[in-house]
Amino acid sequence: MTADRTETLAAQLAELRALDLTGLPPSTPVTEAELTDLEHALGVALPTTYRNFLLRVGTGPGPYYGLHRVADLHVNAKDRGDTAGLFPLTPADFEEHFVTARARSIEMDFDAPGCLEIGHQGCSDTTVLILTGELAGTVCDQWENQWAPARTPLGSTNALELGLTPTLDEWYGAWLTGRLAALQK
């Protein structure tokens, strides 16, 4: 995510906060020291897009129940196990499963290596950021042992298709665009 894209997301979030009377949770930009500590706990550098996002936009508001605070990311890293390992899926796997076979999800262990839960969607559904491998910097929806391309809550993207391997900024930007459009009607 470029600095310009990060600034755009921050500006859109500020616009959403001004229009949304339901009271979004506060945004909490993360410090460089907190990021360094998190990366040490993960055993891997965060994807640049997520790093920039956390420094400028922060944690808090987001799709579903929002984006996890840094303390929660530390807990999730411990729960996941091998966050520095190689994430086993590739863009070709997504193409094969979701386009060729028209599957609804890919079955894979909940605690697959190379990823981190960054948000909760309710029940057992989560949003996961891929940290390593060919899909590093992209987000997936995950529930139990099922994985699928990330989507934002129904209605918030105005049926905007995010594609098979949306990046963090595409996913978050689609949520912001959908929420802003709904509030401006």
C-alpha atoms as a PDB file:
ATOM      1  CA  MET A   1       0.000   0.000   0.000  1.00  0.00           C
ATOM      2  CA  THR A   2       1.488   3.271  -1.010  1.00  0.00           C
ATOM      3  CA  ALA A   3       1.602   6.224   1.337  1.00  0.00           C
ATOM      4  CA  ASP A   4      -0.991   7.905  -0.921  1.00  0.00           C
ATOM      5  CA  ARG A   5      -3.366   4.919  -0.604  1.00  0.00           C
ATOM      6  CA  THR A   6      -2.902   4.870   3.156  1.00  0.00           C
ATOM      7  CA  GLU A   7      -3.670   8.612   3.310  1.00  0.00           C
ATOM      8  CA  THR A   8      -6.792   8.042   1.192  1.00  0.00           C
ATOM      9  CA  LEU A   9      -8.026   5.337   3.568  1.00  0.00           C
ATOM     10  CA  ALA A  10      -7.335   7.573   6.574  1.00  0.00           C
ATOM     11  CA  ALA A  11      -9.260  10.443   4.936  1.00  0.00           C
ATOM     12  CA  GLN A  12     -12.182   8.156   4.061  1.00  0.00           C
ATOM     13  CA  LEU A  13     -12.269   6.874   7.640  1.00  0.00           C
ATOM     14  CA  ALA A  14     -12.391  10.469   8.919  1.00  0.00           C
ATOM     15  CA  GLU A  15     -15.247  11.201   6.495  1.00  0.00           C
ATOM     16  CA  LEU A  16     -17.086   8.072   7.655  1.00  0.00           C
ATOM     17  CA  ARG A  17     -16.600   9.064  11.285  1.00  0.00           C
ATOM     18  CA  ALA A  18     -18.134  12.495  10.564  1.00  0.00           C
ATOM     19  CA  LEU A  19     -21.198  10.949   8.881  1.00  0.00           C
ATOM     20  CA  ASP A  20     -21.737   7.868  11.046  1.00  0.00           C
ATOM     21  CA  LEU A  21     -23.905   8.731  14.020  1.00  0.00           C
ATOM     22  CA  THR A  22     -23.729   5.194  15.460  1.00  0.00           C
ATOM     23  CA  GLY A  23     -20.302   5.892  16.916  1.00  0.00           C
ATOM     24  CA  LEU A  24     -17.454   3.975  15.363  1.00  0.00           C
ATOM     25  CA  PRO A  25     -14.843   2.753  17.813  1.00  0.00           C
ATOM     26  CA  PRO A  26     -11.810   5.012  18.073  1.00  0.00           C
ATOM     27  CA  SER A  27      -8.924   4.548  15.663  1.00  0.00           C
ATOM     28  CA  THR A  28      -5.652   3.763  17.343  1.00  0.00           C
ATOM     29  CA  PRO A  29      -2.557   4.235  15.176  1.00  0.00           C
ATOM     30  CA  VAL A  30       0.232   1.907  16.225  1.00  0.00           C
ATOM     31  CA  THR A  31       3.715   3.127  17.105  1.00  0.00           C
ATOM     32  CA  GLU A  32       6.907   1.894  15.480  1.00  0.00           C
ATOM     33  CA  ALA A  33       7.940   0.366  18.810  1.00  0.00           C
ATOM     34  CA  GLU A  34       4.658  -1.571  19.046  1.00  0.00           C
ATOM     35  CA  LEU A  35       5.128  -2.835  15.478  1.00  0.00           C
ATOM     36  CA  THR A  36       8.687  -3.948  16.181  1.00  0.00           C
ATOM     37  CA  ASP A  37       7.508  -5.780  19.297  1.00  0.00           C
ATOM     38  CA  LEU A  38       4.664  -7.433  17.363  1.00  0.00           C
ATOM     39  CA  GLU A  39       6.988  -8.523  14.559  1.00  0.00           C
ATOM     40  CA  HIS A  40       9.348  -9.985  17.143  1.00  0.00           C
ATOM     41  CA  ALA A  41       6.451 -11.958  18.676  1.00  0.00           C
ATOM     42  CA  LEU A  42       5.321 -13.124  15.220  1.00  0.00           C
ATOM     43  CA  GLY A  43       8.816 -14.083  14.141  1.00  0.00           C
ATOM     44  CA  VAL A  44       8.250 -12.424  10.776  1.00  0.00           C
ATOM     45  CA  ALA A  45       8.065  -8.906   9.361  1.00  0.00           C
ATOM     46  CA  LEU A  46       4.558  -7.651   8.704  1.00  0.00           C
ATOM     47  CA  PRO A  47       3.638  -7.082   5.057  1.00  0.00           C
ATOM     48  CA  THR A  48       4.495  -3.481   4.178  1.00  0.00           C
ATOM     49  CA  THR A  49       0.863  -2.677   3.366  1.00  0.00           C
ATOM     50  CA  TYR A  50      -0.354  -3.762   6.795  1.00  0.00           C
ATOM     51  CA  ARG A  51       2.576  -2.059   8.521  1.00  0.00           C
ATOM     52  CA  ASN A  52       1.782   1.263   6.785  1.00  0.00           C
ATOM     53  CA  PHE A  53      -1.913   0.795   7.514  1.00  0.00           C
ATOM     54  CA  LEU A  54      -1.289   0.266  11.235  1.00  0.00           C
ATOM     55  CA  LEU A  55       1.046   3.271  11.456  1.00  0.00           C
ATOM     56  CA  ARG A  56      -1.366   5.677   9.733  1.00  0.00           C
ATOM     57  CA  VAL A  57      -4.910   4.309  10.055  1.00  0.00           C
ATOM     58  CA  GLY A  58      -4.467   2.004  13.027  1.00  0.00           C
ATOM     59  CA  THR A  59      -6.699  -0.533  14.708  1.00  0.00           C
ATOM     60  CA  GLY A  60     -10.329  -0.191  15.670  1.00  0.00           C
ATOM     61  CA  PRO A  61     -13.023   0.527  13.069  1.00  0.00           C
ATOM     62  CA  GLY A  62     -13.396  -1.909  10.232  1.00  0.00           C
ATOM     63  CA  PRO A  63     -15.622  -4.523   8.673  1.00  0.00           C
ATOM     64  CA  TYR A  64     -17.726  -6.686  10.977  1.00  0.00           C
ATOM     65  CA  TYR A  65     -16.511  -6.117  14.558  1.00  0.00           C
ATOM     66  CA  GLY A  66     -13.524  -3.987  13.577  1.00  0.00           C
ATOM     67  CA  LEU A  67      -9.790  -4.564  13.510  1.00  0.00           C
ATOM     68  CA  HIS A  68      -8.018  -6.104  16.485  1.00  0.00           C
ATOM     69  CA  ARG A  69      -5.941  -4.012  18.849  1.00  0.00           C
ATOM     70  CA  VAL A  70      -2.214  -4.767  19.074  1.00  0.00           C
ATOM     71  CA  ALA A  71      -2.691  -6.634  22.373  1.00  0.00           C
ATOM     72  CA  ASP A  72      -5.234  -8.901  20.647  1.00  0.00           C
ATOM     73  CA  LEU A  73      -2.846  -9.468  17.747  1.00  0.00           C
ATOM     74  CA  HIS A  74      -0.257 -10.739  20.241  1.00  0.00           C
ATOM     75  CA  VAL A  75      -2.821 -13.178  21.688  1.00  0.00           C
ATOM     76  CA  ASN A  76      -3.859 -14.299  18.203  1.00  0.00           C
ATOM     77  CA  ALA A  77      -0.211 -14.873  17.267  1.00  0.00           C
ATOM     78  CA  LYS A  78       0.182 -17.225  20.238  1.00  0.00           C
ATOM     79  CA  ASP A  79      -3.080 -19.015  19.392  1.00  0.00           C
ATOM     80  CA  ARG A  80      -2.098 -19.484  15.742  1.00  0.00           C
ATOM     81  CA  GLY A  81       1.290 -20.971  16.427  1.00  0.00           C
ATOM     82  CA  ASP A  82       3.673 -20.778  13.455  1.00  0.00           C
ATOM     83  CA  THR A  83       2.989 -17.270  12.141  1.00  0.00           C
ATOM     84  CA  ALA A  84       6.434 -17.182  10.493  1.00  0.00           C
ATOM     85  CA  GLY A  85       5.939 -20.439   8.587  1.00  0.00           C
ATOM     86  CA  LEU A  86       5.136 -20.548   4.892  1.00  0.00           C
ATOM     87  CA  PHE A  87       1.437 -20.022   4.160  1.00  0.00           C
ATOM     88  CA  PRO A  88       0.524 -23.125   2.134  1.00  0.00           C
ATOM     89  CA  LEU A  89      -1.921 -21.684  -0.409  1.00  0.00           C
ATOM     90  CA  THR A  90      -1.052 -19.806  -3.613  1.00  0.00           C
ATOM     91  CA  PRO A  91      -3.020 -17.679  -6.063  1.00  0.00           C
ATOM     92  CA  ALA A  92      -3.218 -20.794  -8.286  1.00  0.00           C
ATOM     93  CA  ASP A  93      -4.959 -22.692  -5.466  1.00  0.00           C
ATOM     94  CA  PHE A  94      -7.585 -19.961  -5.245  1.00  0.00           C
ATOM     95  CA  GLU A  95      -8.042 -20.005  -9.033  1.00  0.00           C
ATOM     96  CA  GLU A  96      -8.428 -23.787  -9.053  1.00  0.00           C
ATOM     97  CA  HIS A  97     -10.866 -23.968  -6.151  1.00  0.00           C
ATOM     98  CA  PHE A  98     -13.020 -20.910  -6.695  1.00  0.00           C
ATOM     99  CA  VAL A  99     -13.029 -20.504 -10.479  1.00  0.00           C
ATOM    100  CA  THR A 100     -12.376 -23.921 -11.987  1.00  0.00           C
ATOM    101  CA  ALA A 101     -14.086 -26.099  -9.348  1.00  0.00           C
ATOM    102  CA  ARG A 102     -16.532 -23.377  -8.199  1.00  0.00           C
ATOM    103  CA  ALA A 103     -15.989 -24.361  -4.581  1.00  0.00           C
ATOM    104  CA  ARG A 104     -17.317 -22.248  -1.734  1.00  0.00           C
ATOM    105  CA  SER A 105     -14.209 -22.704   0.411  1.00  0.00           C
ATOM    106  CA  ILE A 106     -10.900 -24.523   0.754  1.00  0.00           C
ATOM    107  CA  GLU A 107     -10.561 -26.956   3.628  1.00  0.00           C
ATOM    108  CA  MET A 108      -7.348 -26.395   5.554  1.00  0.00           C
ATOM    109  CA  ASP A 109      -6.315 -26.408   9.221  1.00  0.00           C
ATOM    110  CA  PHE A 110      -7.556 -23.474  11.274  1.00  0.00           C
ATOM    111  CA  ASP A 111      -4.059 -22.793  12.557  1.00  0.00           C
ATOM    112  CA  ALA A 112      -2.320 -22.812   9.169  1.00  0.00           C
ATOM    113  CA  PRO A 113       1.170 -21.275   9.258  1.00  0.00           C
ATOM    114  CA  GLY A 114       2.031 -17.827   7.942  1.00  0.00           C
ATOM    115  CA  CYS A 115      -1.105 -15.913   8.883  1.00  0.00           C
ATOM    116  CA  LEU A 116      -2.676 -13.819  11.637  1.00  0.00           C
ATOM    117  CA  GLU A 117      -6.290 -13.158  12.631  1.00  0.00           C
ATOM    118  CA  ILE A 118      -6.828  -9.393  12.348  1.00  0.00           C
ATOM    119  CA  GLY A 119     -10.604  -9.178  12.854  1.00  0.00           C
ATOM    120  CA  HIS A 120     -13.594 -11.099  14.117  1.00  0.00           C
ATOM    121  CA  GLN A 121     -16.823 -11.466  12.141  1.00  0.00           C
ATOM    122  CA  GLY A 122     -19.003 -13.177  14.741  1.00  0.00           C
ATOM    123  CA  CYS A 123     -19.489 -16.823  15.748  1.00  0.00           C
ATOM    124  CA  SER A 124     -16.381 -18.665  14.544  1.00  0.00           C
ATOM    125  CA  ASP A 125     -15.779 -16.448  11.488  1.00  0.00           C
ATOM    126  CA  THR A 126     -12.598 -14.372  11.278  1.00  0.00           C
ATOM    127  CA  THR A 127     -10.630 -12.193   8.883  1.00  0.00           C
ATOM    128  CA  VAL A 128      -7.068 -13.417   8.450  1.00  0.00           C
ATOM    129  CA  LEU A 129      -4.068 -11.544   7.039  1.00  0.00           C
ATOM    130  CA  ILE A 130      -1.578 -13.690   5.152  1.00  0.00           C
ATOM    131  CA  LEU A 131       1.945 -12.894   6.361  1.00  0.00           C
ATOM    132  CA  THR A 132       4.143 -15.141   4.210  1.00  0.00           C
ATOM    133  CA  GLY A 133       4.246 -16.849   0.831  1.00  0.00           C
ATOM    134  CA  GLU A 134       2.828 -15.752  -2.499  1.00  0.00           C
ATOM    135  CA  LEU A 135      -0.332 -14.356  -0.889  1.00  0.00           C
ATOM    136  CA  ALA A 136       1.439 -12.179   1.731  1.00  0.00           C
ATOM    137  CA  GLY A 137      -0.518  -8.961   2.285  1.00  0.00           C
ATOM    138  CA  THR A 138      -3.868 -10.424   1.222  1.00  0.00           C
ATOM    139  CA  VAL A 139      -6.839 -11.229   3.443  1.00  0.00           C
ATOM    140  CA  CYS A 140      -9.045 -14.296   3.700  1.00  0.00           C
ATOM    141  CA  ASP A 141     -12.267 -15.178   5.458  1.00  0.00           C
ATOM    142  CA  GLN A 142     -11.876 -18.192   7.717  1.00  0.00           C
ATOM    143  CA  TRP A 143     -14.277 -20.231   9.783  1.00  0.00           C
ATOM    144  CA  GLU A 144     -13.407 -23.473  11.500  1.00  0.00           C
ATOM    145  CA  ASN A 145     -11.269 -25.284   8.875  1.00  0.00           C
ATOM    146  CA  GLN A 146     -12.710 -23.408   5.880  1.00  0.00           C
ATOM    147  CA  TRP A 147     -10.920 -20.635   3.970  1.00  0.00           C
ATOM    148  CA  ALA A 148     -12.313 -18.312   1.286  1.00  0.00           C
ATOM    149  CA  PRO A 149     -11.522 -14.975  -0.386  1.00  0.00           C
ATOM    150  CA  ALA A 150     -12.228 -12.079   1.979  1.00  0.00           C
ATOM    151  CA  ARG A 151     -15.474 -10.227   1.641  1.00  0.00           C
ATOM    152  CA  THR A 152     -16.900  -7.303   3.575  1.00  0.00           C
ATOM    153  CA  PRO A 153     -20.299  -7.430   5.313  1.00  0.00           C
ATOM    154  CA  LEU A 154     -23.311  -7.848   3.047  1.00  0.00           C
ATOM    155  CA  GLY A 155     -24.442  -4.568   1.618  1.00  0.00           C
ATOM    156  CA  SER A 156     -21.349  -2.604   2.606  1.00  0.00           C
ATOM    157  CA  THR A 157     -19.568  -3.071  -0.704  1.00  0.00           C
ATOM    158  CA  ASN A 158     -22.543  -2.388  -2.960  1.00  0.00           C
ATOM    159  CA  ALA A 159     -21.916  -5.790  -4.577  1.00  0.00           C
ATOM    160  CA  LEU A 160     -18.374  -4.724  -5.387  1.00  0.00           C
ATOM    161  CA  GLU A 161     -16.421  -7.840  -6.285  1.00  0.00           C
ATOM    162  CA  LEU A 162     -13.091  -7.941  -4.479  1.00  0.00           C
ATOM    163  CA  GLY A 163     -11.563 -10.793  -6.450  1.00  0.00           C
ATOM    164  CA  LEU A 164      -9.963 -14.013  -5.296  1.00  0.00           C
ATOM    165  CA  THR A 165      -7.046 -12.566  -3.350  1.00  0.00           C
ATOM    166  CA  PRO A 166      -7.939  -9.072  -2.148  1.00  0.00           C
ATOM    167  CA  THR A 167      -5.215  -7.047  -0.520  1.00  0.00           C
ATOM    168  CA  LEU A 168      -5.770  -5.425   2.839  1.00  0.00           C
ATOM    169  CA  ASP A 169      -6.218  -1.985   1.263  1.00  0.00           C
ATOM    170  CA  GLU A 170      -8.718  -3.300  -1.335  1.00  0.00           C
ATOM    171  CA  TRP A 171     -10.744  -5.052   1.359  1.00  0.00           C
ATOM    172  CA  TYR A 172     -10.718  -2.132   3.807  1.00  0.00           C
ATOM    173  CA  GLY A 173     -11.274   0.404   1.022  1.00  0.00           C
ATOM    174  CA  ALA A 174     -14.319  -1.532  -0.240  1.00  0.00           C
ATOM    175  CA  TRP A 175     -15.783  -1.502   3.251  1.00  0.00           C
ATOM    176  CA  LEU A 176     -15.215   2.253   3.605  1.00  0.00           C
ATOM    177  CA  THR A 177     -16.644   2.985   0.142  1.00  0.00           C
ATOM    178  CA  GLY A 178     -19.731   0.886   0.861  1.00  0.00           C
ATOM    179  CA  ARG A 179     -20.356   2.448   4.271  1.00  0.00           C
ATOM    180  CA  LEU A 180     -19.883   5.971   2.933  1.00  0.00           C
ATOM    181  CA  ALA A 181     -22.231   5.313   0.009  1.00  0.00           C
ATOM    182  CA  ALA A 182     -24.895   3.905   2.335  1.00  0.00           C
ATOM    183  CA  LEU A 183     -24.663   6.886   4.698  1.00  0.00           C
ATOM    184  CA  GLN A 184     -24.743   9.465   1.895  1.00  0.00           C
ATOM    185  CA  LYS A 185     -28.047   8.181   0.480  1.00  0.00           C
END
